[in-house]
C-alpha atoms as a PDB file:
ATOM      1  CA  UNK A   1      25.166 -11.175  -0.526  1.00  0.00           C
ATOM      2  CA  UNK A   2      23.840  -8.034  -2.197  1.00  0.00           C
ATOM      3  CA  UNK A   3      21.941  -5.427  -0.251  1.00  0.00           C
ATOM      4  CA  UNK A   4      19.454  -2.956  -1.661  1.00  0.00           C
ATOM      5  CA  UNK A   5      19.016   0.621  -0.503  1.00  0.00           C
ATOM      6  CA  UNK A   6      15.608   2.054   0.290  1.00  0.00           C
ATOM      7  CA  UNK A   7      16.337   5.700  -0.513  1.00  0.00           C
ATOM      8  CA  UNK A   8      14.724   6.643  -3.798  1.00  0.00           C
ATOM      9  CA  UNK A   9      11.763   4.254  -3.561  1.00  0.00           C
ATOM     10  CA  UNK A  10       8.721   5.760  -5.279  1.00  0.00           C
ATOM     11  CA  UNK A  11       5.062   5.246  -4.417  1.00  0.00           C
ATOM     12  CA  UNK A  12       2.882   6.292  -7.338  1.00  0.00           C
ATOM     13  CA  UNK A  13      -0.841   6.979  -7.723  1.00  0.00           C
ATOM     14  CA  UNK A  14      -2.663   6.144 -10.945  1.00  0.00           C
ATOM     15  CA  UNK A  15      -5.325   8.143 -12.704  1.00  0.00           C
ATOM     16  CA  UNK A  16      -8.941   6.988 -12.904  1.00  0.00           C
ATOM     17  CA  UNK A  17      -8.439   4.717 -15.917  1.00  0.00           C
ATOM     18  CA  UNK A  18      -8.651   1.216 -14.433  1.00  0.00           C
ATOM     19  CA  UNK A  19     -10.130  -0.126 -17.663  1.00  0.00           C
ATOM     20  CA  UNK A  20      -6.964   0.599 -19.647  1.00  0.00           C
ATOM     21  CA  UNK A  21      -3.376   1.489 -18.834  1.00  0.00           C
ATOM     22  CA  UNK A  22      -3.240   4.009 -15.980  1.00  0.00           C
ATOM     23  CA  UNK A  23      -0.908   6.995 -16.016  1.00  0.00           C
ATOM     24  CA  UNK A  24       1.073   7.264 -12.788  1.00  0.00           C
ATOM     25  CA  UNK A  25       2.322  10.225 -10.750  1.00  0.00           C
ATOM     26  CA  UNK A  26       4.788   9.896  -7.864  1.00  0.00           C
ATOM     27  CA  UNK A  27       3.169  10.813  -4.543  1.00  0.00           C
ATOM     28  CA  UNK A  28       5.154  13.770  -3.202  1.00  0.00           C
ATOM     29  CA  UNK A  29       7.101  13.820   0.047  1.00  0.00           C
ATOM     30  CA  UNK A  30       6.727  10.178   1.084  1.00  0.00           C
ATOM     31  CA  UNK A  31       8.848   9.823   4.211  1.00  0.00           C
ATOM     32  CA  UNK A  32       8.314   6.107   4.779  1.00  0.00           C
ATOM     33  CA  UNK A  33       6.368   3.139   3.445  1.00  0.00           C
ATOM     34  CA  UNK A  34       5.104   0.584   5.944  1.00  0.00           C
ATOM     35  CA  UNK A  35       5.517  -3.168   5.752  1.00  0.00           C
ATOM     36  CA  UNK A  36       4.243  -5.008   2.696  1.00  0.00           C
ATOM     37  CA  UNK A  37       2.818  -8.231   4.130  1.00  0.00           C
ATOM     38  CA  UNK A  38       1.676 -10.815   1.579  1.00  0.00           C
ATOM     39  CA  UNK A  39       0.198 -13.877   3.243  1.00  0.00           C
ATOM     40  CA  UNK A  40      -1.448 -17.177   2.558  1.00  0.00           C
ATOM     41  CA  UNK A  41      -4.807 -17.768   4.254  1.00  0.00           C
ATOM     42  CA  UNK A  42      -4.700 -21.007   6.208  1.00  0.00           C
ATOM     43  CA  UNK A  43      -7.689 -23.348   6.600  1.00  0.00           C
ATOM     44  CA  UNK A  44      -8.214 -25.377   9.741  1.00  0.00           C
ATOM     45  CA  UNK A  45      -8.444 -29.153   9.220  1.00  0.00           C
ATOM     46  CA  UNK A  46      -8.142 -30.354  12.827  1.00  0.00           C
ATOM     47  CA  UNK A  47     -10.106 -33.547  13.412  1.00  0.00           C
ATOM     48  CA  UNK A  48     -10.610 -36.274  16.017  1.00  0.00           C
ATOM     49  CA  UNK A  49      -7.588 -38.150  14.679  1.00  0.00           C
ATOM     50  CA  UNK A  50      -5.202 -35.132  14.833  1.00  0.00           C
ATOM     51  CA  UNK A  51      -2.067 -36.354  16.596  1.00  0.00           C
ATOM     52  CA  UNK A  52      -1.912 -35.311  20.229  1.00  0.00           C
ATOM     53  CA  UNK A  53      -4.945 -33.074  19.831  1.00  0.00           C
ATOM     54  CA  UNK A  54      -2.906 -30.424  18.058  1.00  0.00           C
ATOM     55  CA  UNK A  55      -4.525 -28.163  15.490  1.00  0.00           C
ATOM     56  CA  UNK A  56      -3.749 -28.888  11.845  1.00  0.00           C
ATOM     57  CA  UNK A  57      -3.897 -26.410   8.995  1.00  0.00           C
ATOM     58  CA  UNK A  58      -3.457 -26.383   5.251  1.00  0.00           C
ATOM     59  CA  UNK A  59      -2.932 -23.552   2.803  1.00  0.00           C
ATOM     60  CA  UNK A  60      -6.371 -22.638   1.436  1.00  0.00           C
ATOM     61  CA  UNK A  61      -5.166 -21.316  -1.920  1.00  0.00           C
ATOM     62  CA  UNK A  62      -6.366 -17.811  -1.003  1.00  0.00           C
ATOM     63  CA  UNK A  63      -3.863 -14.989  -0.511  1.00  0.00           C
ATOM     64  CA  UNK A  64      -4.134 -11.532   1.017  1.00  0.00           C
ATOM     65  CA  UNK A  65      -2.097  -8.369   1.362  1.00  0.00           C
ATOM     66  CA  UNK A  66      -2.276  -6.415   4.602  1.00  0.00           C
ATOM     67  CA  UNK A  67      -2.925  -2.683   4.562  1.00  0.00           C
ATOM     68  CA  UNK A  68       0.074  -0.493   3.743  1.00  0.00           C
ATOM     69  CA  UNK A  69       0.740   2.799   5.495  1.00  0.00           C
ATOM     70  CA  UNK A  70       2.504   5.749   3.886  1.00  0.00           C
ATOM     71  CA  UNK A  71       3.937   8.459   6.070  1.00  0.00           C
ATOM     72  CA  UNK A  72       3.828  11.783   4.238  1.00  0.00           C
ATOM     73  CA  UNK A  73       5.359  15.150   4.998  1.00  0.00           C
ATOM     74  CA  UNK A  74       1.879  16.524   4.429  1.00  0.00           C
ATOM     75  CA  UNK A  75       1.110  19.523   2.236  1.00  0.00           C
ATOM     76  CA  UNK A  76      -2.652  19.982   1.732  1.00  0.00           C
ATOM     77  CA  UNK A  77      -1.957  22.042  -1.408  1.00  0.00           C
ATOM     78  CA  UNK A  78       0.232  19.337  -3.002  1.00  0.00           C
ATOM     79  CA  UNK A  79      -1.687  17.762  -5.902  1.00  0.00           C
ATOM     80  CA  UNK A  80      -0.976  14.158  -4.854  1.00  0.00           C
ATOM     81  CA  UNK A  81      -2.055  14.897  -1.249  1.00  0.00           C
ATOM     82  CA  UNK A  82      -5.063  17.139  -1.936  1.00  0.00           C
ATOM     83  CA  UNK A  83      -8.806  16.687  -2.004  1.00  0.00           C
ATOM     84  CA  UNK A  84      -8.822  17.091  -5.788  1.00  0.00           C
ATOM     85  CA  UNK A  85      -8.514  14.604  -8.649  1.00  0.00           C
ATOM     86  CA  UNK A  86      -5.172  12.801  -8.389  1.00  0.00           C
ATOM     87  CA  UNK A  87      -4.852  13.270  -4.620  1.00  0.00           C
ATOM     88  CA  UNK A  88      -5.019  10.610  -1.920  1.00  0.00           C
ATOM     89  CA  UNK A  89      -7.559  12.624   0.117  1.00  0.00           C
ATOM     90  CA  UNK A  90      -9.810  12.846  -2.942  1.00  0.00           C
ATOM     91  CA  UNK A  91      -9.512   9.083  -3.517  1.00  0.00           C
ATOM     92  CA  UNK A  92     -10.476   8.391   0.103  1.00  0.00           C
ATOM     93  CA  UNK A  93     -13.371  10.857   0.351  1.00  0.00           C
ATOM     94  CA  UNK A  94     -14.840   9.630  -2.937  1.00  0.00           C
ATOM     95  CA  UNK A  95     -14.308   5.904  -2.255  1.00  0.00           C
ATOM     96  CA  UNK A  96     -12.308   5.609  -5.471  1.00  0.00           C
ATOM     97  CA  UNK A  97     -10.342   2.443  -6.194  1.00  0.00           C
ATOM     98  CA  UNK A  98      -7.169   3.427  -8.038  1.00  0.00           C
ATOM     99  CA  UNK A  99      -4.075   1.740  -9.409  1.00  0.00           C
ATOM    100  CA  UNK A 100      -0.858   2.269  -7.445  1.00  0.00           C
ATOM    101  CA  UNK A 101       2.740   1.418  -8.188  1.00  0.00           C
ATOM    102  CA  UNK A 102       5.679   0.871  -5.847  1.00  0.00           C
ATOM    103  CA  UNK A 103       9.030   1.306  -7.630  1.00  0.00           C
ATOM    104  CA  UNK A 104      12.163   0.097  -5.884  1.00  0.00           C
ATOM    105  CA  UNK A 105      15.562   1.732  -6.445  1.00  0.00           C
ATOM    106  CA  UNK A 106      17.269  -1.610  -7.103  1.00  0.00           C
ATOM    107  CA  UNK A 107      19.321  -2.301 -10.213  1.00  0.00           C
ATOM    108  CA  UNK A 108      16.514  -4.443 -11.640  1.00  0.00           C
ATOM    109  CA  UNK A 109      13.933  -1.647 -11.228  1.00  0.00           C
ATOM    110  CA  UNK A 110      11.539  -3.960  -9.398  1.00  0.00           C
ATOM    111  CA  UNK A 111       7.935  -2.750  -9.374  1.00  0.00           C
ATOM    112  CA  UNK A 112       4.786  -3.835  -7.610  1.00  0.00           C
ATOM    113  CA  UNK A 113       1.478  -2.666  -9.052  1.00  0.00           C
ATOM    114  CA  UNK A 114      -1.887  -3.090  -7.390  1.00  0.00           C
ATOM    115  CA  UNK A 115      -5.340  -1.608  -6.928  1.00  0.00           C
ATOM    116  CA  UNK A 116      -6.315  -0.121  -3.588  1.00  0.00           C
ATOM    117  CA  UNK A 117      -8.654   2.124  -1.688  1.00  0.00           C
ATOM    118  CA  UNK A 118      -7.372   4.845   0.630  1.00  0.00           C
ATOM    119  CA  UNK A 119      -9.085   3.750   3.841  1.00  0.00           C
ATOM    120  CA  UNK A 120      -7.607   6.213   6.371  1.00  0.00           C
ATOM    121  CA  UNK A 121      -5.757   9.515   6.477  1.00  0.00           C
ATOM    122  CA  UNK A 122      -4.462  10.549   9.902  1.00  0.00           C
ATOM    123  CA  UNK A 123      -3.032  14.061  10.004  1.00  0.00           C
ATOM    124  CA  UNK A 124      -0.646  14.900  12.846  1.00  0.00           C
ATOM    125  CA  UNK A 125      -0.237  18.514  13.880  1.00  0.00           C
ATOM    126  CA  UNK A 126       2.817  18.410  16.088  1.00  0.00           C
ATOM    127  CA  UNK A 127       4.652  21.003  18.098  1.00  0.00           C
ATOM    128  CA  UNK A 128       5.757  24.227  16.463  1.00  0.00           C
ATOM    129  CA  UNK A 129       9.138  22.979  15.203  1.00  0.00           C
ATOM    130  CA  UNK A 130       7.740  19.831  13.584  1.00  0.00           C
ATOM    131  CA  UNK A 131       6.465  19.390  10.041  1.00  0.00           C
ATOM    132  CA  UNK A 132       2.812  18.640   9.359  1.00  0.00           C
ATOM    133  CA  UNK A 133       2.603  14.860   8.840  1.00  0.00           C
ATOM    134  CA  UNK A 134      -0.037  12.475   7.530  1.00  0.00           C
ATOM    135  CA  UNK A 135      -0.297   8.697   7.667  1.00  0.00           C
ATOM    136  CA  UNK A 136      -2.290   7.320   4.736  1.00  0.00           C
ATOM    137  CA  UNK A 137      -3.575   3.738   4.876  1.00  0.00           C
ATOM    138  CA  UNK A 138      -3.991   1.839   1.608  1.00  0.00           C
ATOM    139  CA  UNK A 139      -6.290  -1.209   1.577  1.00  0.00           C
ATOM    140  CA  UNK A 140      -5.247  -3.434  -1.301  1.00  0.00           C
ATOM    141  CA  UNK A 141      -7.853  -5.357  -3.253  1.00  0.00           C
ATOM    142  CA  UNK A 142      -7.226  -8.123  -5.767  1.00  0.00           C
ATOM    143  CA  UNK A 143      -4.010  -9.674  -7.019  1.00  0.00           C
ATOM    144  CA  UNK A 144      -0.901  -7.476  -7.105  1.00  0.00           C
ATOM    145  CA  UNK A 145       1.648  -7.787  -9.907  1.00  0.00           C
ATOM    146  CA  UNK A 146       5.202  -8.204  -8.583  1.00  0.00           C
ATOM    147  CA  UNK A 147       7.951  -7.760 -11.183  1.00  0.00           C
END
């Protein structure tokens, strides 16, 4: 069984061009990327004839992706972190939906592209010997492309 490393994974932010082909820039200093949870929405179909009174469900045909959290070694002056065009803070404060790309370091160069809003940015100011950190929450909208 082959195993894939995680070191070298890139999380990229697209420019404002959602109507065409976005240009992407790697978000600087990403320490970790939270779980990518893709799920099927289940519909309840329990009825008076359900065996033993147990709930029954079917797949509804609707899918969803949970929010993804990025942990950044935060630098407010870094272009991809900043409150200026191309930065995640700018995207959040302006309610801008952007294209994002997750590039895996596997031999097949697997990529996942999607559109998302930055819905939260939690900055942690730790003790004196710790780096300034920020957790950025991405809320995905629409169908991702997994290649």
